Amino acid sequence: MVKKVEDLQEYRDAKDLEVRMHGLPSEAQTVIIQNIINQTCWHGPVTREWMENEIASQELLDNESLKLVTDHPVEDHFGSEIHVGDKWFEDGAGRVVLEDNVEDYLIEVANVEFCRAIE
């Protein structure tokens, strides 16, 4: 009987960590990547337990900064529907912006110009 990779517990654990990692803000992902490099260079291989602890600590930091509300807006400034579990911010002018629309907000409302350094 041939076992599929998807049936292995190690595979499911790795996928769970991947989903949790992608659920974090990009800043937290960057911190984890820097810590992986540091761990690998100075202390040895990254274990699943180490990675779980690293992601859990970033999830904790991310969740501590959130204000939990039960009476949330129906949609954000760009017309996107807000569902239970969504993250958003409200600016000083009262505009509500979903996490997925932050870049649009920065470009269209805050007039931010994104740049990339080259040579």
PDB file of N, CA and C in Angstrom:
ATOM      1  N   MET A   1       0.846  -1.183   0.000  1.00  0.00           N
ATOM      2  CA  MET A   1       0.000   0.000   0.000  1.00  0.00           C
ATOM      3  C   MET A   1       0.890   1.245   0.000  1.00  0.00           C
ATOM      4  N   VAL A   2       0.664   2.102  -0.940  1.00  0.00           N
ATOM      5  CA  VAL A   2       1.446   3.320  -1.076  1.00  0.00           C
ATOM      6  C   VAL A   2       0.751   4.437  -0.311  1.00  0.00           C
ATOM      7  N   LYS A   3       1.529   5.113   0.531  1.00  0.00           N
ATOM      8  CA  LYS A   3       0.995   6.229   1.293  1.00  0.00           C
ATOM      9  C   LYS A   3       1.261   7.522   0.554  1.00  0.00           C
ATOM     10  N   LYS A   4       0.266   8.387   0.489  1.00  0.00           N
ATOM     11  CA  LYS A   4       0.445   9.680  -0.154  1.00  0.00           C
ATOM     12  C   LYS A   4       1.119  10.641   0.836  1.00  0.00           C
ATOM     13  N   VAL A   5       1.915  11.532   0.298  1.00  0.00           N
ATOM     14  CA  VAL A   5       2.607  12.523   1.133  1.00  0.00           C
ATOM     15  C   VAL A   5       1.600  13.323   1.953  1.00  0.00           C
ATOM     16  N   GLU A   6       0.465  13.651   1.348  1.00  0.00           N
ATOM     17  CA  GLU A   6      -0.561  14.463   2.026  1.00  0.00           C
ATOM     18  C   GLU A   6      -1.127  13.779   3.262  1.00  0.00           C
ATOM     19  N   ASP A   7      -0.963  12.452   3.366  1.00  0.00           N
ATOM     20  CA  ASP A   7      -1.472  11.705   4.509  1.00  0.00           C
ATOM     21  C   ASP A   7      -0.508  11.711   5.695  1.00  0.00           C
ATOM     22  N   LEU A   8       0.728  12.120   5.482  1.00  0.00           N
ATOM     23  CA  LEU A   8       1.725  12.109   6.551  1.00  0.00           C
ATOM     24  C   LEU A   8       1.486  13.255   7.527  1.00  0.00           C
ATOM     25  N   GLN A   9       1.615  12.976   8.812  1.00  0.00           N
ATOM     26  CA  GLN A   9       1.427  13.995   9.836  1.00  0.00           C
ATOM     27  C   GLN A   9       2.422  15.139   9.666  1.00  0.00           C
ATOM     28  N   GLU A  10       3.648  14.807   9.288  1.00  0.00           N
ATOM     29  CA  GLU A  10       4.676  15.839   9.095  1.00  0.00           C
ATOM     30  C   GLU A  10       4.258  16.822   8.005  1.00  0.00           C
ATOM     31  N   TYR A  11       3.644  16.314   6.958  1.00  0.00           N
ATOM     32  CA  TYR A  11       3.175  17.167   5.869  1.00  0.00           C
ATOM     33  C   TYR A  11       2.062  18.088   6.370  1.00  0.00           C
ATOM     34  N   ARG A  12       1.101  17.514   7.107  1.00  0.00           N
ATOM     35  CA  ARG A  12       0.000  18.327   7.625  1.00  0.00           C
ATOM     36  C   ARG A  12       0.506  19.379   8.601  1.00  0.00           C
ATOM     37  N   ASP A  13       1.496  19.016   9.444  1.00  0.00           N
ATOM     38  CA  ASP A  13       2.079  19.987  10.372  1.00  0.00           C
ATOM     39  C   ASP A  13       2.758  21.133   9.622  1.00  0.00           C
ATOM     40  N   ALA A  14       3.501  20.792   8.568  1.00  0.00           N
ATOM     41  CA  ALA A  14       4.195  21.808   7.780  1.00  0.00           C
ATOM     42  C   ALA A  14       3.185  22.735   7.103  1.00  0.00           C
ATOM     43  N   LYS A  15       2.110  22.187   6.575  1.00  0.00           N
ATOM     44  CA  LYS A  15       1.074  23.006   5.934  1.00  0.00           C
ATOM     45  C   LYS A  15       0.402  23.927   6.949  1.00  0.00           C
ATOM     46  N   ASP A  16       0.165  23.425   8.165  1.00  0.00           N
ATOM     47  CA  ASP A  16      -0.425  24.242   9.217  1.00  0.00           C
ATOM     48  C   ASP A  16       0.482  25.425   9.545  1.00  0.00           C
ATOM     49  N   LEU A  17       1.783  25.167   9.681  1.00  0.00           N
ATOM     50  CA  LEU A  17       2.730  26.248   9.950  1.00  0.00           C
ATOM     51  C   LEU A  17       2.750  27.254   8.802  1.00  0.00           C
ATOM     52  N   GLU A  18       2.671  26.751   7.584  1.00  0.00           N
ATOM     53  CA  GLU A  18       2.671  27.626   6.406  1.00  0.00           C
ATOM     54  C   GLU A  18       1.448  28.543   6.415  1.00  0.00           C
ATOM     55  N   VAL A  19       0.287  27.996   6.717  1.00  0.00           N
ATOM     56  CA  VAL A  19      -0.944  28.793   6.765  1.00  0.00           C
ATOM     57  C   VAL A  19      -0.851  29.845   7.869  1.00  0.00           C
ATOM     58  N   ARG A  20      -0.364  29.443   9.034  1.00  0.00           N
ATOM     59  CA  ARG A  20      -0.216  30.393  10.146  1.00  0.00           C
ATOM     60  C   ARG A  20       0.762  31.505   9.793  1.00  0.00           C
ATOM     61  N   MET A  21       1.867  31.142   9.146  1.00  0.00           N
ATOM     62  CA  MET A  21       2.874  32.127   8.749  1.00  0.00           C
ATOM     63  C   MET A  21       2.279  33.136   7.768  1.00  0.00           C
ATOM     64  N   HIS A  22       1.514  32.644   6.781  1.00  0.00           N
ATOM     65  CA  HIS A  22       0.918  33.542   5.794  1.00  0.00           C
ATOM     66  C   HIS A  22      -0.174  34.418   6.405  1.00  0.00           C
ATOM     67  N   GLY A  23      -0.717  34.010   7.544  1.00  0.00           N
ATOM     68  CA  GLY A  23      -1.735  34.807   8.215  1.00  0.00           C
ATOM     69  C   GLY A  23      -1.185  35.972   9.005  1.00  0.00           C
ATOM     70  N   LEU A  24       0.116  36.017   9.157  1.00  0.00           N
ATOM     71  CA  LEU A  24       0.755  37.095   9.910  1.00  0.00           C
ATOM     72  C   LEU A  24       1.014  38.294   9.006  1.00  0.00           C
ATOM     73  N   PRO A  25       1.095  39.483   9.597  1.00  0.00           N
ATOM     74  CA  PRO A  25       1.478  40.654   8.802  1.00  0.00           C
ATOM     75  C   PRO A  25       2.888  40.478   8.244  1.00  0.00           C
ATOM     76  N   SER A  26       3.175  41.178   7.161  1.00  0.00           N
ATOM     77  CA  SER A  26       4.477  41.020   6.507  1.00  0.00           C
ATOM     78  C   SER A  26       5.636  41.375   7.432  1.00  0.00           C
ATOM     79  N   GLU A  27       5.442  42.327   8.342  1.00  0.00           N
ATOM     80  CA  GLU A  27       6.509  42.683   9.280  1.00  0.00           C
ATOM     81  C   GLU A  27       6.854  41.506  10.185  1.00  0.00           C
ATOM     82  N   ALA A  28       5.831  40.791  10.647  1.00  0.00           N
ATOM     83  CA  ALA A  28       6.052  39.628  11.510  1.00  0.00           C
ATOM     84  C   ALA A  28       6.720  38.501  10.727  1.00  0.00           C
ATOM     85  N   GLN A  29       6.335  38.341   9.459  1.00  0.00           N
ATOM     86  CA  GLN A  29       6.973  37.328   8.621  1.00  0.00           C
ATOM     87  C   GLN A  29       8.457  37.643   8.442  1.00  0.00           C
ATOM     88  N   THR A  30       8.766  38.923   8.258  1.00  0.00           N
ATOM     89  CA  THR A  30      10.160  39.340   8.107  1.00  0.00           C
ATOM     90  C   THR A  30      10.956  39.038   9.362  1.00  0.00           C
ATOM     91  N   VAL A  31      10.380  39.293  10.529  1.00  0.00           N
ATOM     92  CA  VAL A  31      11.049  38.997  11.794  1.00  0.00           C
ATOM     93  C   VAL A  31      11.335  37.506  11.896  1.00  0.00           C
ATOM     94  N   ILE A  32      10.363  36.684  11.545  1.00  0.00           N
ATOM     95  CA  ILE A  32      10.553  35.230  11.612  1.00  0.00           C
ATOM     96  C   ILE A  32      11.664  34.792  10.664  1.00  0.00           C
ATOM     97  N   ILE A  33      11.667  35.319   9.465  1.00  0.00           N
ATOM     98  CA  ILE A  33      12.719  34.959   8.501  1.00  0.00           C
ATOM     99  C   ILE A  33      14.090  35.362   9.028  1.00  0.00           C
ATOM    100  N   GLN A  34      14.199  36.543   9.598  1.00  0.00           N
ATOM    101  CA  GLN A  34      15.477  36.978  10.183  1.00  0.00           C
ATOM    102  C   GLN A  34      15.886  36.049  11.322  1.00  0.00           C
ATOM    103  N   ASN A  35      14.924  35.635  12.135  1.00  0.00           N
ATOM    104  CA  ASN A  35      15.218  34.730  13.241  1.00  0.00           C
ATOM    105  C   ASN A  35      15.612  33.338  12.751  1.00  0.00           C
ATOM    106  N   ILE A  36      15.026  32.886  11.643  1.00  0.00           N
ATOM    107  CA  ILE A  36      15.419  31.602  11.052  1.00  0.00           C
ATOM    108  C   ILE A  36      16.877  31.665  10.613  1.00  0.00           C
ATOM    109  N   ILE A  37      17.242  32.749   9.956  1.00  0.00           N
ATOM    110  CA  ILE A  37      18.627  32.911   9.499  1.00  0.00           C
ATOM    111  C   ILE A  37      19.570  32.928  10.699  1.00  0.00           C
ATOM    112  N   ASN A  38      19.225  33.680  11.717  1.00  0.00           N
ATOM    113  CA  ASN A  38      20.047  33.752  12.924  1.00  0.00           C
ATOM    114  C   ASN A  38      20.165  32.383  13.596  1.00  0.00           C
ATOM    115  N   GLN A  39      19.043  31.694  13.730  1.00  0.00           N
ATOM    116  CA  GLN A  39      19.028  30.370  14.353  1.00  0.00           C
ATOM    117  C   GLN A  39      19.926  29.408  13.590  1.00  0.00           C
ATOM    118  N   THR A  40      19.770  29.401  12.273  1.00  0.00           N
ATOM    119  CA  THR A  40      20.535  28.480  11.433  1.00  0.00           C
ATOM    120  C   THR A  40      22.026  28.788  11.481  1.00  0.00           C
ATOM    121  N   CYS A  41      22.374  30.056  11.419  1.00  0.00           N
ATOM    122  CA  CYS A  41      23.793  30.451  11.400  1.00  0.00           C
ATOM    123  C   CYS A  41      24.488  30.235  12.740  1.00  0.00           C
ATOM    124  N   TRP A  42      23.791  30.484  13.832  1.00  0.00           N
ATOM    125  CA  TRP A  42      24.456  30.492  15.134  1.00  0.00           C
ATOM    126  C   TRP A  42      24.134  29.309  16.026  1.00  0.00           C
ATOM    127  N   HIS A  43      22.982  28.670  15.819  1.00  0.00           N
ATOM    128  CA  HIS A  43      22.553  27.641  16.770  1.00  0.00           C
ATOM    129  C   HIS A  43      22.258  26.285  16.154  1.00  0.00           C
ATOM    130  N   GLY A  44      22.155  26.198  14.854  1.00  0.00           N
ATOM    131  CA  GLY A  44      21.876  24.914  14.224  1.00  0.00           C
ATOM    132  C   GLY A  44      20.547  24.895  13.508  1.00  0.00           C
ATOM    133  N   PRO A  45      20.093  23.711  13.137  1.00  0.00           N
ATOM    134  CA  PRO A  45      18.884  23.607  12.319  1.00  0.00           C
ATOM    135  C   PRO A  45      17.622  24.093  13.045  1.00  0.00           C
ATOM    136  N   VAL A  46      16.673  24.522  12.256  1.00  0.00           N
ATOM    137  CA  VAL A  46      15.377  24.954  12.781  1.00  0.00           C
ATOM    138  C   VAL A  46      14.495  23.722  12.916  1.00  0.00           C
ATOM    139  N   THR A  47      13.995  23.495  14.119  1.00  0.00           N
ATOM    140  CA  THR A  47      13.103  22.365  14.351  1.00  0.00           C
ATOM    141  C   THR A  47      11.649  22.805  14.224  1.00  0.00           C
ATOM    142  N   ARG A  48      10.778  21.831  14.094  1.00  0.00           N
ATOM    143  CA  ARG A  48       9.348  22.160  14.024  1.00  0.00           C
ATOM    144  C   ARG A  48       8.900  22.854  15.303  1.00  0.00           C
ATOM    145  N   GLU A  49       9.370  22.382  16.450  1.00  0.00           N
ATOM    146  CA  GLU A  49       9.007  22.994  17.738  1.00  0.00           C
ATOM    147  C   GLU A  49       9.476  24.445  17.793  1.00  0.00           C
ATOM    148  N   TRP A  50      10.713  24.705  17.347  1.00  0.00           N
ATOM    149  CA  TRP A  50      11.233  26.071  17.341  1.00  0.00           C
ATOM    150  C   TRP A  50      10.364  26.959  16.460  1.00  0.00           C
ATOM    151  N   MET A  51       9.999  26.439  15.277  1.00  0.00           N
ATOM    152  CA  MET A  51       9.188  27.211  14.338  1.00  0.00           C
ATOM    153  C   MET A  51       7.798  27.480  14.909  1.00  0.00           C
ATOM    154  N   GLU A  52       7.191  26.491  15.559  1.00  0.00           N
ATOM    155  CA  GLU A  52       5.879  26.688  16.184  1.00  0.00           C
ATOM    156  C   GLU A  52       5.944  27.790  17.236  1.00  0.00           C
ATOM    157  N   ASN A  53       6.997  27.763  18.057  1.00  0.00           N
ATOM    158  CA  ASN A  53       7.159  28.798  19.092  1.00  0.00           C
ATOM    159  C   ASN A  53       7.360  30.170  18.478  1.00  0.00           C
ATOM    160  N   GLU A  54       8.129  30.232  17.407  1.00  0.00           N
ATOM    161  CA  GLU A  54       8.396  31.504  16.737  1.00  0.00           C
ATOM    162  C   GLU A  54       7.115  32.104  16.161  1.00  0.00           C
ATOM    163  N   ILE A  55       6.335  31.279  15.488  1.00  0.00           N
ATOM    164  CA  ILE A  55       5.072  31.755  14.910  1.00  0.00           C
ATOM    165  C   ILE A  55       4.094  32.128  16.015  1.00  0.00           C
ATOM    166  N   ALA A  56       4.022  31.321  17.063  1.00  0.00           N
ATOM    167  CA  ALA A  56       3.109  31.616  18.177  1.00  0.00           C
ATOM    168  C   ALA A  56       3.440  32.950  18.833  1.00  0.00           C
ATOM    169  N   SER A  57       4.728  33.251  18.985  1.00  0.00           N
ATOM    170  CA  SER A  57       5.096  34.529  19.611  1.00  0.00           C
ATOM    171  C   SER A  57       4.703  35.707  18.731  1.00  0.00           C
ATOM    172  N   GLN A  58       4.841  35.567  17.413  1.00  0.00           N
ATOM    173  CA  GLN A  58       4.436  36.640  16.505  1.00  0.00           C
ATOM    174  C   GLN A  58       2.909  36.778  16.446  1.00  0.00           C
ATOM    175  N   GLU A  59       2.197  35.646  16.512  1.00  0.00           N
ATOM    176  CA  GLU A  59       0.728  35.701  16.553  1.00  0.00           C
ATOM    177  C   GLU A  59       0.261  36.426  17.805  1.00  0.00           C
ATOM    178  N   LEU A  60       0.912  36.155  18.925  1.00  0.00           N
ATOM    179  CA  LEU A  60       0.561  36.810  20.182  1.00  0.00           C
ATOM    180  C   LEU A  60       0.764  38.314  20.076  1.00  0.00           C
ATOM    181  N   LEU A  61       1.909  38.729  19.558  1.00  0.00           N
ATOM    182  CA  LEU A  61       2.178  40.158  19.379  1.00  0.00           C
ATOM    183  C   LEU A  61       1.156  40.802  18.454  1.00  0.00           C
ATOM    184  N   ASP A  62       0.811  40.101  17.376  1.00  0.00           N
ATOM    185  CA  ASP A  62      -0.156  40.628  16.411  1.00  0.00           C
ATOM    186  C   ASP A  62      -1.530  40.785  17.060  1.00  0.00           C
ATOM    187  N   ASN A  63      -1.947  39.795  17.835  1.00  0.00           N
ATOM    188  CA  ASN A  63      -3.280  39.827  18.442  1.00  0.00           C
ATOM    189  C   ASN A  63      -3.383  40.814  19.599  1.00  0.00           C
ATOM    190  N   GLU A  64      -2.274  41.079  20.288  1.00  0.00           N
ATOM    191  CA  GLU A  64      -2.311  42.026  21.400  1.00  0.00           C
ATOM    192  C   GLU A  64      -2.572  43.450  20.928  1.00  0.00           C
ATOM    193  N   SER A  65      -2.214  43.758  19.686  1.00  0.00           N
ATOM    194  CA  SER A  65      -2.398  45.110  19.184  1.00  0.00           C
ATOM    195  C   SER A  65      -3.805  45.345  18.646  1.00  0.00           C
ATOM    196  N   LEU A  66      -4.615  44.288  18.576  1.00  0.00           N
ATOM    197  CA  LEU A  66      -5.955  44.424  18.030  1.00  0.00           C
ATOM    198  C   LEU A  66      -6.976  44.784  19.102  1.00  0.00           C
ATOM    199  N   LYS A  67      -7.913  45.628  18.735  1.00  0.00           N
ATOM    200  CA  LYS A  67      -9.043  45.940  19.592  1.00  0.00           C
ATOM    201  C   LYS A  67     -10.211  45.105  19.078  1.00  0.00           C
ATOM    202  N   LEU A  68     -10.725  44.202  19.896  1.00  0.00           N
ATOM    203  CA  LEU A  68     -11.811  43.335  19.477  1.00  0.00           C
ATOM    204  C   LEU A  68     -13.139  44.056  19.629  1.00  0.00           C
ATOM    205  N   VAL A  69     -13.963  44.031  18.576  1.00  0.00           N
ATOM    206  CA  VAL A  69     -15.257  44.719  18.610  1.00  0.00           C
ATOM    207  C   VAL A  69     -16.351  43.777  18.110  1.00  0.00           C
ATOM    208  N   THR A  70     -17.546  43.933  18.668  1.00  0.00           N
ATOM    209  CA  THR A  70     -18.680  43.119  18.221  1.00  0.00           C
ATOM    210  C   THR A  70     -19.537  43.894  17.213  1.00  0.00           C
ATOM    211  N   ASP A  71     -19.589  45.206  17.336  1.00  0.00           N
ATOM    212  CA  ASP A  71     -20.405  46.035  16.451  1.00  0.00           C
ATOM    213  C   ASP A  71     -19.486  46.665  15.400  1.00  0.00           C
ATOM    214  N   HIS A  72     -19.171  45.880  14.357  1.00  0.00           N
ATOM    215  CA  HIS A  72     -18.218  46.363  13.363  1.00  0.00           C
ATOM    216  C   HIS A  72     -18.927  46.936  12.140  1.00  0.00           C
ATOM    217  N   PRO A  73     -18.215  47.769  11.364  1.00  0.00           N
ATOM    218  CA  PRO A  73     -18.810  48.322  10.140  1.00  0.00           C
ATOM    219  C   PRO A  73     -19.140  47.206   9.144  1.00  0.00           C
ATOM    220  N   VAL A  74     -20.052  47.480   8.221  1.00  0.00           N
ATOM    221  CA  VAL A  74     -20.473  46.508   7.223  1.00  0.00           C
ATOM    222  C   VAL A  74     -19.475  46.450   6.072  1.00  0.00           C
ATOM    223  N   GLU A  75     -18.947  47.620   5.670  1.00  0.00           N
ATOM    224  CA  GLU A  75     -17.960  47.642   4.593  1.00  0.00           C
ATOM    225  C   GLU A  75     -16.941  48.739   4.849  1.00  0.00           C
ATOM    226  N   ASP A  76     -15.821  48.629   4.135  1.00  0.00           N
ATOM    227  CA  ASP A  76     -14.758  49.609   4.329  1.00  0.00           C
ATOM    228  C   ASP A  76     -14.864  50.741   3.306  1.00  0.00           C
ATOM    229  N   HIS A  77     -13.909  51.631   3.350  1.00  0.00           N
ATOM    230  CA  HIS A  77     -13.871  52.822   2.502  1.00  0.00           C
ATOM    231  C   HIS A  77     -13.935  52.474   1.018  1.00  0.00           C
ATOM    232  N   PHE A  78     -13.429  51.305   0.637  1.00  0.00           N
ATOM    233  CA  PHE A  78     -13.382  50.903  -0.768  1.00  0.00           C
ATOM    234  C   PHE A  78     -14.559  50.006  -1.163  1.00  0.00           C
ATOM    235  N   GLY A  79     -15.520  49.818  -0.257  1.00  0.00           N
ATOM    236  CA  GLY A  79     -16.704  49.029  -0.563  1.00  0.00           C
ATOM    237  C   GLY A  79     -16.556  47.543  -0.311  1.00  0.00           C
ATOM    238  N   SER A  80     -15.442  47.115   0.246  1.00  0.00           N
ATOM    239  CA  SER A  80     -15.252  45.697   0.551  1.00  0.00           C
ATOM    240  C   SER A  80     -16.024  45.335   1.812  1.00  0.00           C
ATOM    241  N   GLU A  81     -16.734  44.213   1.765  1.00  0.00           N
ATOM    242  CA  GLU A  81     -17.536  43.776   2.902  1.00  0.00           C
ATOM    243  C   GLU A  81     -16.637  43.306   4.040  1.00  0.00           C
ATOM    244  N   ILE A  82     -16.984  43.687   5.259  1.00  0.00           N
ATOM    245  CA  ILE A  82     -16.224  43.285   6.441  1.00  0.00           C
ATOM    246  C   ILE A  82     -16.938  42.107   7.093  1.00  0.00           C
ATOM    247  N   HIS A  83     -16.192  41.009   7.277  1.00  0.00           N
ATOM    248  CA  HIS A  83     -16.730  39.785   7.867  1.00  0.00           C
ATOM    249  C   HIS A  83     -16.127  39.576   9.247  1.00  0.00           C
ATOM    250  N   VAL A  84     -16.756  38.710  10.034  1.00  0.00           N
ATOM    251  CA  VAL A  84     -16.233  38.351  11.345  1.00  0.00           C
ATOM    252  C   VAL A  84     -14.814  37.809  11.164  1.00  0.00           C
ATOM    253  N   GLY A  85     -13.881  38.303  11.956  1.00  0.00           N
ATOM    254  CA  GLY A  85     -12.493  37.859  11.890  1.00  0.00           C
ATOM    255  C   GLY A  85     -11.604  38.761  11.055  1.00  0.00           C
ATOM    256  N   ASP A  86     -12.199  39.642  10.243  1.00  0.00           N
ATOM    257  CA  ASP A  86     -11.398  40.553   9.433  1.00  0.00           C
ATOM    258  C   ASP A  86     -10.704  41.588  10.298  1.00  0.00           C
ATOM    259  N   LYS A  87      -9.567  42.081   9.814  1.00  0.00           N
ATOM    260  CA  LYS A  87      -8.832  43.154  10.480  1.00  0.00           C
ATOM    261  C   LYS A  87      -8.963  44.421   9.643  1.00  0.00           C
ATOM    262  N   TRP A  88      -9.138  45.545  10.306  1.00  0.00           N
ATOM    263  CA  TRP A  88      -9.214  46.815   9.610  1.00  0.00           C
ATOM    264  C   TRP A  88      -8.676  47.901  10.520  1.00  0.00           C
ATOM    265  N   PHE A  89      -8.468  49.088   9.955  1.00  0.00           N
ATOM    266  CA  PHE A  89      -8.110  50.236  10.782  1.00  0.00           C
ATOM    267  C   PHE A  89      -9.030  51.384  10.428  1.00  0.00           C
ATOM    268  N   GLU A  90      -9.110  52.333  11.344  1.00  0.00           N
ATOM    269  CA  GLU A  90      -9.889  53.537  11.109  1.00  0.00           C
ATOM    270  C   GLU A  90      -8.940  54.718  11.249  1.00  0.00           C
ATOM    271  N   ASP A  91      -8.904  55.573  10.217  1.00  0.00           N
ATOM    272  CA  ASP A  91      -7.990  56.716  10.270  1.00  0.00           C
ATOM    273  C   ASP A  91      -8.642  57.881  11.015  1.00  0.00           C
ATOM    274  N   GLY A  92      -7.916  58.957  11.151  1.00  0.00           N
ATOM    275  CA  GLY A  92      -8.398  60.122  11.897  1.00  0.00           C
ATOM    276  C   GLY A  92      -9.639  60.757  11.298  1.00  0.00           C
ATOM    277  N   ALA A  93      -9.880  60.545  10.007  1.00  0.00           N
ATOM    278  CA  ALA A  93     -11.053  61.103   9.344  1.00  0.00           C
ATOM    279  C   ALA A  93     -12.254  60.158   9.416  1.00  0.00           C
ATOM    280  N   GLY A  94     -12.091  59.013  10.087  1.00  0.00           N
ATOM    281  CA  GLY A  94     -13.188  58.067  10.234  1.00  0.00           C
ATOM    282  C   GLY A  94     -13.320  57.066   9.104  1.00  0.00           C
ATOM    283  N   ARG A  95     -12.345  57.040   8.174  1.00  0.00           N
ATOM    284  CA  ARG A  95     -12.378  56.064   7.087  1.00  0.00           C
ATOM    285  C   ARG A  95     -11.963  54.705   7.629  1.00  0.00           C
ATOM    286  N   VAL A  96     -12.766  53.685   7.340  1.00  0.00           N
ATOM    287  CA  VAL A  96     -12.482  52.309   7.744  1.00  0.00           C
ATOM    288  C   VAL A  96     -11.855  51.604   6.547  1.00  0.00           C
ATOM    289  N   VAL A  97     -10.697  50.941   6.766  1.00  0.00           N
ATOM    290  CA  VAL A  97      -9.990  50.282   5.670  1.00  0.00           C
ATOM    291  C   VAL A  97      -9.597  48.875   6.104  1.00  0.00           C
ATOM    292  N   LEU A  98     -10.030  47.886   5.317  1.00  0.00           N
ATOM    293  CA  LEU A  98      -9.658  46.496   5.570  1.00  0.00           C
ATOM    294  C   LEU A  98      -8.166  46.297   5.370  1.00  0.00           C
ATOM    295  N   GLU A  99      -7.617  45.323   6.079  1.00  0.00           N
ATOM    296  CA  GLU A  99      -6.194  45.006   5.971  1.00  0.00           C
ATOM    297  C   GLU A  99      -5.783  44.750   4.518  1.00  0.00           C
ATOM    298  N   ASP A 100      -6.645  44.080   3.751  1.00  0.00           N
ATOM    299  CA  ASP A 100      -6.335  43.776   2.351  1.00  0.00           C
ATOM    300  C   ASP A 100      -6.306  45.029   1.472  1.00  0.00           C
ATOM    301  N   ASN A 101      -6.885  46.127   1.941  1.00  0.00           N
ATOM    302  CA  ASN A 101      -6.956  47.347   1.137  1.00  0.00           C
ATOM    303  C   ASN A 101      -6.004  48.438   1.613  1.00  0.00           C
ATOM    304  N   VAL A 102      -5.085  48.103   2.503  1.00  0.00           N
ATOM    305  CA  VAL A 102      -4.174  49.110   3.056  1.00  0.00           C
ATOM    306  C   VAL A 102      -3.329  49.757   1.957  1.00  0.00           C
ATOM    307  N   GLU A 103      -2.823  48.957   1.041  1.00  0.00           N
ATOM    308  CA  GLU A 103      -1.993  49.525  -0.032  1.00  0.00           C
ATOM    309  C   GLU A 103      -2.808  50.506  -0.881  1.00  0.00           C
ATOM    310  N   ASP A 104      -4.047  50.158  -1.210  1.00  0.00           N
ATOM    311  CA  ASP A 104      -4.913  51.070  -1.964  1.00  0.00           C
ATOM    312  C   ASP A 104      -5.124  52.370  -1.193  1.00  0.00           C
ATOM    313  N   TYR A 105      -5.348  52.251   0.111  1.00  0.00           N
ATOM    314  CA  TYR A 105      -5.534  53.428   0.952  1.00  0.00           C
ATOM    315  C   TYR A 105      -4.299  54.329   0.918  1.00  0.00           C
ATOM    316  N   LEU A 106      -3.132  53.711   1.074  1.00  0.00           N
ATOM    317  CA  LEU A 106      -1.902  54.494   1.085  1.00  0.00           C
ATOM    318  C   LEU A 106      -1.698  55.237  -0.233  1.00  0.00           C
ATOM    319  N   ILE A 107      -2.026  54.591  -1.350  1.00  0.00           N
ATOM    320  CA  ILE A 107      -1.845  55.216  -2.659  1.00  0.00           C
ATOM    321  C   ILE A 107      -2.919  56.263  -2.929  1.00  0.00           C
ATOM    322  N   GLU A 108      -4.184  55.903  -2.744  1.00  0.00           N
ATOM    323  CA  GLU A 108      -5.294  56.765  -3.152  1.00  0.00           C
ATOM    324  C   GLU A 108      -5.642  57.855  -2.148  1.00  0.00           C
ATOM    325  N   VAL A 109      -5.545  57.557  -0.862  1.00  0.00           N
ATOM    326  CA  VAL A 109      -5.964  58.521   0.155  1.00  0.00           C
ATOM    327  C   VAL A 109      -4.773  59.272   0.739  1.00  0.00           C
ATOM    328  N   ALA A 110      -3.738  58.531   1.112  1.00  0.00           N
ATOM    329  CA  ALA A 110      -2.587  59.166   1.757  1.00  0.00           C
ATOM    330  C   ALA A 110      -1.549  59.656   0.740  1.00  0.00           C
ATOM    331  N   ASN A 111      -1.775  59.400  -0.540  1.00  0.00           N
ATOM    332  CA  ASN A 111      -0.872  59.838  -1.612  1.00  0.00           C
ATOM    333  C   ASN A 111       0.559  59.360  -1.420  1.00  0.00           C
ATOM    334  N   VAL A 112       0.697  58.125  -0.944  1.00  0.00           N
ATOM    335  CA  VAL A 112       2.012  57.528  -0.744  1.00  0.00           C
ATOM    336  C   VAL A 112       2.497  56.993  -2.084  1.00  0.00           C
ATOM    337  N   GLU A 113       3.779  57.183  -2.364  1.00  0.00           N
ATOM    338  CA  GLU A 113       4.378  56.638  -3.566  1.00  0.00           C
ATOM    339  C   GLU A 113       5.326  55.529  -3.163  1.00  0.00           C
ATOM    340  N   PHE A 114       5.104  54.320  -3.693  1.00  0.00           N
ATOM    341  CA  PHE A 114       5.964  53.188  -3.378  1.00  0.00           C
ATOM    342  C   PHE A 114       7.171  53.204  -4.301  1.00  0.00           C
ATOM    343  N   CYS A 115       8.336  52.910  -3.750  1.00  0.00           N
ATOM    344  CA  CYS A 115       9.579  52.946  -4.518  1.00  0.00           C
ATOM    345  C   CYS A 115      10.383  51.671  -4.260  1.00  0.00           C
ATOM    346  N   ARG A 116      11.288  51.398  -5.167  1.00  0.00           N
ATOM    347  CA  ARG A 116      12.200  50.273  -5.009  1.00  0.00           C
ATOM    348  C   ARG A 116      13.596  50.759  -5.366  1.00  0.00           C
ATOM    349  N   ALA A 117      14.547  50.513  -4.470  1.00  0.00           N
ATOM    350  CA  ALA A 117      15.923  50.922  -4.719  1.00  0.00           C
ATOM    351  C   ALA A 117      16.549  49.993  -5.751  1.00  0.00           C
ATOM    352  N   ILE A 118      17.214  50.583  -6.731  1.00  0.00           N
ATOM    353  CA  ILE A 118      17.961  49.810  -7.726  1.00  0.00           C
ATOM    354  C   ILE A 118      19.338  50.425  -7.837  1.00  0.00           C
ATOM    355  N   GLU A 119      20.247  49.737  -8.387  1.00  0.00           N
ATOM    356  CA  GLU A 119      21.643  50.142  -8.537  1.00  0.00           C
ATOM    357  C   GLU A 119      21.963  51.515  -8.029  1.00  0.00           C
TER     358      GLU A 119
END
